[in-house]
Amino acid sequence: MSEDRKHIAEIDLMKNATYIVLDGQLKEVPQPDAGYGKQIISWQGGKPCHGKLEVDFKFK
């Protein structure tokens, strides 16, 4: 990779998160509000194209 095409991103490793890289941009995937659930990323043509959140809840 040539130097003019090299991109560097900085992230906080103390933050629990999921990220995707799309067209050279780092994007954080939203988390389920309740704190329990799934993040589902769909791909098309070798790129992430959309995502879905599934929320779970616990019975105490």
Protein backbone atom coordinates (compact mmCIF):
# COMPACT_ATOMS: atom_id res chain seq x y z
CA MET A 1 0.00 0.00 0.00
CA SER A 2 1.46 3.35 -0.95
CA GLU A 3 1.93 6.03 1.72
CA ASP A 4 -0.64 8.39 0.15
CA ARG A 5 -3.35 5.69 0.47
CA LYS A 6 -2.52 4.74 4.07
CA HIS A 7 -5.17 5.70 6.63
CA ILE A 8 -4.71 5.41 10.36
CA ALA A 9 -7.54 5.54 12.89
CA GLU A 10 -7.27 5.76 16.64
CA ILE A 11 -9.78 4.03 18.91
CA ASP A 12 -10.20 3.81 22.67
CA LEU A 13 -9.35 0.23 23.63
CA MET A 14 -11.04 0.70 27.01
CA LYS A 15 -14.44 1.16 25.31
CA ASN A 16 -16.36 -2.02 24.49
CA ALA A 17 -17.62 -1.52 20.94
CA THR A 18 -17.94 -3.03 17.49
CA TYR A 19 -16.58 -1.15 14.48
CA ILE A 20 -16.70 -1.54 10.72
CA VAL A 21 -14.53 0.09 8.10
CA LEU A 22 -16.50 1.26 5.08
CA ASP A 23 -14.83 3.11 2.21
CA GLY A 24 -11.91 4.13 4.40
CA GLN A 25 -14.07 5.42 7.27
CA LEU A 26 -14.25 3.82 10.71
CA LYS A 27 -17.85 3.58 11.94
CA GLU A 28 -19.08 2.40 15.32
CA VAL A 29 -21.98 -0.08 15.20
CA PRO A 30 -24.82 0.92 17.58
CA GLN A 31 -25.29 -1.22 20.68
CA PRO A 32 -28.62 -2.63 21.92
CA ASP A 33 -30.07 -0.11 24.39
CA ALA A 34 -30.95 -2.79 26.96
CA GLY A 35 -27.36 -4.03 26.99
CA TYR A 36 -28.32 -7.52 25.76
CA GLY A 37 -28.76 -8.51 22.15
CA LYS A 38 -27.07 -9.04 18.81
CA GLN A 39 -25.54 -6.88 16.11
CA ILE A 40 -25.97 -8.49 12.70
CA ILE A 41 -23.96 -7.06 9.79
CA SER A 42 -24.94 -7.94 6.21
CA TRP A 43 -22.42 -7.79 3.41
CA GLN A 44 -22.84 -7.23 -0.32
CA GLY A 45 -20.07 -7.05 -2.90
CA GLY A 46 -17.38 -7.39 -0.24
CA LYS A 47 -18.63 -4.41 1.78
CA PRO A 48 -20.89 -4.10 4.83
CA CYS A 49 -24.20 -2.80 3.47
CA HIS A 50 -26.59 -2.76 6.43
CA GLY A 51 -26.99 -3.91 9.98
CA LYS A 52 -29.69 -5.10 12.31
CA LEU A 53 -29.99 -4.96 16.09
CA GLU A 54 -31.79 -7.70 17.97
CA VAL A 55 -32.60 -6.92 21.58
CA ASP A 56 -32.82 -9.61 24.25
CA PHE A 57 -33.96 -9.31 27.83
CA LYS A 58 -33.31 -11.35 30.93
CA PHE A 59 -35.81 -12.70 33.40
CA LYS A 60 -34.55 -12.24 36.93
